[in-house]
N, C-alpha and C. Protein backbone atom coordinates (compact mmCIF):
# COMPACT_ATOMS: atom_id res chain seq x y z
N MET A 1 18.94 1.35 34.93
CA MET A 1 19.03 1.68 33.43
C MET A 1 17.81 1.15 32.82
N ALA A 2 17.31 1.96 32.04
CA ALA A 2 16.04 1.67 31.36
C ALA A 2 16.30 1.03 29.92
N LEU A 3 15.62 0.02 29.58
CA LEU A 3 15.89 -0.59 28.31
C LEU A 3 14.72 -0.22 27.50
N MET A 4 15.03 0.38 26.21
CA MET A 4 13.98 0.84 25.36
C MET A 4 14.09 0.06 24.10
N SER A 5 12.93 -0.12 23.43
CA SER A 5 12.89 -0.95 22.27
C SER A 5 12.01 -0.21 21.32
N ALA A 6 12.33 -0.37 20.06
CA ALA A 6 11.49 0.24 18.91
C ALA A 6 10.42 -0.58 18.70
N ILE A 7 9.24 -0.12 18.58
CA ILE A 7 8.07 -0.84 18.05
C ILE A 7 7.75 -0.38 16.62
N VAL A 8 7.83 -1.19 15.66
CA VAL A 8 7.57 -0.93 14.33
C VAL A 8 6.08 -1.12 13.99
N THR A 9 5.48 -0.20 13.48
CA THR A 9 3.95 -0.48 13.19
C THR A 9 3.75 -0.10 11.64
N PHE A 10 2.83 -0.57 11.14
CA PHE A 10 2.48 -0.35 9.62
C PHE A 10 1.15 0.16 9.76
N ALA A 11 0.88 1.32 9.07
CA ALA A 11 -0.50 1.81 9.09
C ALA A 11 -0.90 2.18 7.65
N HIS A 12 -2.10 2.12 7.51
CA HIS A 12 -2.63 2.60 6.14
C HIS A 12 -3.95 3.46 6.48
N ASP A 13 -4.33 4.17 5.50
CA ASP A 13 -5.54 5.12 5.68
C ASP A 13 -6.79 4.36 5.29
N VAL A 14 -6.84 3.48 4.13
CA VAL A 14 -7.95 2.68 3.75
C VAL A 14 -7.59 1.49 3.09
N GLU A 15 -8.43 0.61 2.93
CA GLU A 15 -8.37 -0.62 2.26
C GLU A 15 -9.40 -0.89 1.27
N VAL A 16 -9.16 -1.07 -0.03
CA VAL A 16 -10.16 -1.21 -1.06
C VAL A 16 -9.84 -2.42 -1.83
N ASP A 17 -10.68 -3.34 -1.92
CA ASP A 17 -10.64 -4.62 -2.56
C ASP A 17 -9.23 -5.34 -2.15
N GLY A 18 -9.00 -5.35 -0.98
CA GLY A 18 -7.76 -6.12 -0.48
C GLY A 18 -6.48 -5.39 -0.65
N ILE A 19 -6.41 -4.20 -1.13
CA ILE A 19 -5.18 -3.34 -1.33
C ILE A 19 -5.31 -2.18 -0.39
N CYS A 20 -4.17 -1.88 0.37
CA CYS A 20 -4.10 -0.88 1.31
C CYS A 20 -3.49 0.30 0.72
N TYR A 21 -3.95 1.63 1.10
CA TYR A 21 -3.48 2.80 0.58
C TYR A 21 -3.31 3.85 1.56
N ASN A 22 -2.44 4.83 1.31
CA ASN A 22 -2.28 5.95 2.03
C ASN A 22 -2.88 7.08 1.18
N LEU A 23 -3.64 8.00 1.71
CA LEU A 23 -4.13 9.07 0.83
C LEU A 23 -3.57 10.39 1.02
N ASN A 24 -3.60 11.16 -0.04
CA ASN A 24 -3.18 12.58 0.06
C ASN A 24 -4.53 13.39 -0.33
N HIS A 25 -5.05 13.97 0.82
CA HIS A 25 -6.38 14.59 0.58
C HIS A 25 -6.40 15.84 -0.11
N GLU A 26 -5.19 16.42 -0.22
CA GLU A 26 -5.04 17.76 -0.94
C GLU A 26 -4.99 17.49 -2.40
N THR A 27 -4.14 16.54 -2.75
CA THR A 27 -3.99 16.21 -4.29
C THR A 27 -4.98 15.13 -4.77
N LYS A 28 -5.64 14.59 -3.95
CA LYS A 28 -6.59 13.48 -4.22
C LYS A 28 -5.76 12.30 -4.94
N GLU A 29 -4.66 11.99 -4.36
CA GLU A 29 -3.80 10.87 -4.95
C GLU A 29 -3.72 9.85 -3.93
N ALA A 30 -3.49 8.57 -4.28
CA ALA A 30 -3.36 7.44 -3.34
C ALA A 30 -2.05 6.63 -3.63
N SER A 31 -1.51 6.15 -2.67
CA SER A 31 -0.33 5.25 -2.66
C SER A 31 -0.50 3.98 -2.09
N VAL A 32 -0.18 3.05 -2.88
CA VAL A 32 -0.31 1.58 -2.37
C VAL A 32 0.75 1.46 -1.32
N THR A 33 0.29 0.85 -0.18
CA THR A 33 1.22 0.70 1.02
C THR A 33 1.15 -0.76 1.50
N PHE A 34 2.10 -1.20 2.40
CA PHE A 34 2.06 -2.54 2.95
C PHE A 34 0.70 -2.81 3.70
N ASN A 35 0.18 -3.97 3.65
CA ASN A 35 -1.13 -4.28 4.09
C ASN A 35 -1.18 -4.24 5.56
N GLY A 36 -0.18 -3.99 6.42
CA GLY A 36 -0.24 -3.91 7.79
C GLY A 36 -0.74 -5.11 8.53
N ASN A 37 -0.56 -6.42 8.03
CA ASN A 37 -0.83 -7.55 8.58
C ASN A 37 -0.24 -7.59 9.99
N LYS A 38 -1.19 -7.99 10.97
CA LYS A 38 -0.75 -7.94 12.30
C LYS A 38 0.41 -8.78 12.63
N ASN A 39 0.69 -9.97 12.00
CA ASN A 39 1.81 -10.82 12.27
C ASN A 39 3.01 -10.32 11.47
N LYS A 40 2.95 -9.39 10.60
CA LYS A 40 4.01 -8.75 9.89
C LYS A 40 4.86 -9.73 9.11
N THR A 41 4.41 -10.87 8.79
CA THR A 41 5.18 -11.75 8.08
C THR A 41 4.33 -12.26 6.78
N LYS A 42 3.27 -11.69 6.76
CA LYS A 42 2.33 -12.22 5.54
C LYS A 42 1.88 -11.01 4.79
N GLY A 43 2.37 -10.71 3.63
CA GLY A 43 1.87 -9.79 2.79
C GLY A 43 0.72 -9.97 1.84
N TYR A 44 0.81 -9.42 0.76
CA TYR A 44 -0.35 -9.67 -0.17
C TYR A 44 -0.14 -10.92 -0.86
N GLU A 45 -1.25 -11.62 -1.36
CA GLU A 45 -1.14 -12.95 -1.85
C GLU A 45 -2.03 -13.00 -3.11
N ASN A 46 -1.87 -14.02 -4.02
CA ASN A 46 -2.65 -14.32 -5.08
C ASN A 46 -2.42 -13.34 -6.28
N ASN A 47 -3.36 -13.01 -6.98
CA ASN A 47 -3.06 -12.06 -8.14
C ASN A 47 -3.51 -10.57 -7.72
N ILE A 48 -2.79 -9.65 -8.03
CA ILE A 48 -3.03 -8.25 -7.60
C ILE A 48 -3.30 -7.42 -8.72
N THR A 49 -4.33 -6.72 -8.79
CA THR A 49 -4.60 -5.66 -9.77
C THR A 49 -4.73 -4.31 -9.09
N ILE A 50 -3.69 -3.44 -9.39
CA ILE A 50 -3.85 -2.04 -8.75
C ILE A 50 -4.65 -1.32 -9.73
N PRO A 51 -5.77 -0.54 -9.27
CA PRO A 51 -6.58 0.23 -10.14
C PRO A 51 -5.97 1.57 -10.37
N THR A 52 -6.50 2.18 -11.35
CA THR A 52 -5.94 3.51 -11.79
C THR A 52 -6.61 4.65 -10.68
N ASN A 53 -7.79 4.41 -10.28
CA ASN A 53 -8.49 5.22 -9.31
C ASN A 53 -9.19 4.47 -8.25
N ILE A 54 -9.38 5.03 -7.11
CA ILE A 54 -10.26 4.46 -6.18
C ILE A 54 -11.20 5.58 -5.58
N THR A 55 -12.36 5.22 -5.20
CA THR A 55 -13.26 6.10 -4.58
C THR A 55 -13.40 5.97 -3.15
N ILE A 56 -13.22 6.91 -2.43
CA ILE A 56 -13.36 6.88 -0.85
C ILE A 56 -14.35 8.10 -0.44
N ASP A 57 -15.42 7.80 0.25
CA ASP A 57 -16.30 8.77 0.73
C ASP A 57 -16.74 9.73 -0.56
N ASN A 58 -17.11 9.08 -1.62
CA ASN A 58 -17.62 9.80 -2.77
C ASN A 58 -16.53 10.74 -3.45
N GLU A 59 -15.22 10.57 -3.02
CA GLU A 59 -14.23 11.46 -3.51
C GLU A 59 -13.18 10.41 -4.39
N LEU A 60 -12.90 10.77 -5.64
CA LEU A 60 -12.07 10.06 -6.51
C LEU A 60 -10.52 10.46 -6.24
N TYR A 61 -9.88 9.34 -6.02
CA TYR A 61 -8.38 9.38 -5.74
C TYR A 61 -7.59 8.58 -6.87
N LYS A 62 -6.61 9.30 -7.48
CA LYS A 62 -5.86 8.68 -8.53
C LYS A 62 -4.80 7.94 -7.84
N VAL A 63 -4.60 6.67 -8.22
CA VAL A 63 -3.46 5.87 -7.59
C VAL A 63 -2.19 6.12 -8.33
N THR A 64 -1.27 6.81 -7.75
CA THR A 64 -0.10 7.39 -8.41
C THR A 64 1.12 6.67 -8.07
N SER A 65 1.28 5.94 -6.92
CA SER A 65 2.51 5.44 -6.46
C SER A 65 2.46 4.15 -5.81
N ILE A 66 3.52 3.52 -5.60
CA ILE A 66 3.61 2.36 -4.62
C ILE A 66 4.70 2.63 -3.84
N GLY A 67 4.34 2.64 -2.43
CA GLY A 67 5.24 3.00 -1.38
C GLY A 67 6.27 2.06 -1.12
N GLU A 68 7.31 2.52 -0.28
CA GLU A 68 8.45 1.68 0.13
C GLU A 68 7.99 0.41 0.74
N GLU A 69 8.66 -0.65 0.53
CA GLU A 69 8.30 -1.86 1.12
C GLU A 69 6.89 -2.30 1.03
N ALA A 70 6.15 -1.84 0.12
CA ALA A 70 4.61 -2.10 0.08
C ALA A 70 4.31 -3.53 -0.12
N PHE A 71 5.13 -4.33 -0.78
CA PHE A 71 4.95 -5.65 -1.01
C PHE A 71 5.86 -6.64 -0.36
N MET A 72 6.44 -6.14 0.81
CA MET A 72 7.34 -7.00 1.57
C MET A 72 6.46 -8.24 2.23
N PHE A 73 7.10 -9.20 2.29
CA PHE A 73 6.51 -10.54 2.84
C PHE A 73 5.38 -10.95 1.89
N SER A 74 5.21 -10.49 0.72
CA SER A 74 4.16 -10.88 -0.21
C SER A 74 4.44 -12.12 -0.89
N SER A 75 3.49 -12.82 -1.39
CA SER A 75 3.72 -14.06 -2.21
C SER A 75 2.65 -14.07 -3.23
N PHE A 76 2.47 -12.89 -3.96
CA PHE A 76 1.53 -12.77 -5.05
C PHE A 76 2.07 -13.50 -6.15
N LYS A 77 1.13 -14.04 -7.18
CA LYS A 77 1.41 -14.76 -8.33
C LYS A 77 1.71 -13.77 -9.54
N SER A 78 0.82 -12.68 -9.49
CA SER A 78 1.00 -11.74 -10.66
C SER A 78 0.63 -10.39 -10.05
N ILE A 79 1.01 -9.46 -10.64
CA ILE A 79 0.65 -8.06 -10.38
C ILE A 79 0.45 -7.13 -11.62
N THR A 80 -0.68 -6.53 -11.70
CA THR A 80 -0.96 -5.58 -12.83
C THR A 80 -0.87 -4.18 -12.23
N ILE A 81 0.08 -3.36 -12.93
CA ILE A 81 0.23 -2.00 -12.41
C ILE A 81 -0.34 -1.03 -13.67
N PRO A 82 -1.08 -0.13 -13.24
CA PRO A 82 -1.71 0.80 -14.34
C PRO A 82 -0.64 1.85 -14.66
N ASN A 83 -0.94 2.49 -15.78
CA ASN A 83 0.07 3.64 -16.29
C ASN A 83 -0.01 4.86 -15.35
N SER A 84 -0.98 4.87 -14.41
CA SER A 84 -1.03 6.04 -13.62
C SER A 84 0.00 6.04 -12.41
N ILE A 85 0.54 4.99 -12.25
CA ILE A 85 1.71 4.81 -11.37
C ILE A 85 3.04 5.44 -11.90
N SER A 86 3.43 6.64 -11.16
CA SER A 86 4.59 7.51 -11.62
C SER A 86 5.80 7.28 -10.78
N SER A 87 5.62 6.50 -9.56
CA SER A 87 6.75 6.27 -8.67
C SER A 87 6.59 5.04 -8.04
N ILE A 88 7.70 4.32 -7.80
CA ILE A 88 7.72 3.04 -6.89
C ILE A 88 8.80 3.16 -5.91
N GLY A 89 8.41 3.09 -4.72
CA GLY A 89 9.37 3.23 -3.64
C GLY A 89 10.43 2.18 -3.46
N GLU A 90 11.44 2.59 -2.69
CA GLU A 90 12.62 1.74 -2.50
C GLU A 90 12.09 0.35 -1.81
N ASP A 91 12.66 -0.74 -2.41
CA ASP A 91 12.40 -2.10 -1.84
C ASP A 91 10.75 -2.42 -1.91
N ALA A 92 10.09 -1.76 -2.78
CA ALA A 92 8.66 -2.10 -2.94
C ALA A 92 8.35 -3.50 -3.13
N PHE A 93 9.18 -4.26 -3.88
CA PHE A 93 8.95 -5.62 -4.16
C PHE A 93 10.01 -6.54 -3.71
């Protein structure tokens, strides 16, 4: 009998100023995501400011969402969320 186990991985497309994002290249929108720390027990720390826009490869992406579980394992002191955020995923905080 073979024993199978699930391996959970966290991935992101880019990291800008210490914040990780997944990008939608068609809509030019970005979503804040879990930082994918290798030990999976340490998320974002200190003070966090989510920007309205990020620039990747000379392309402007509007930051429009915070993904599911984006801030799990985090111990930040404060977070600033811009008005461009229109959705926040389940268990984001």
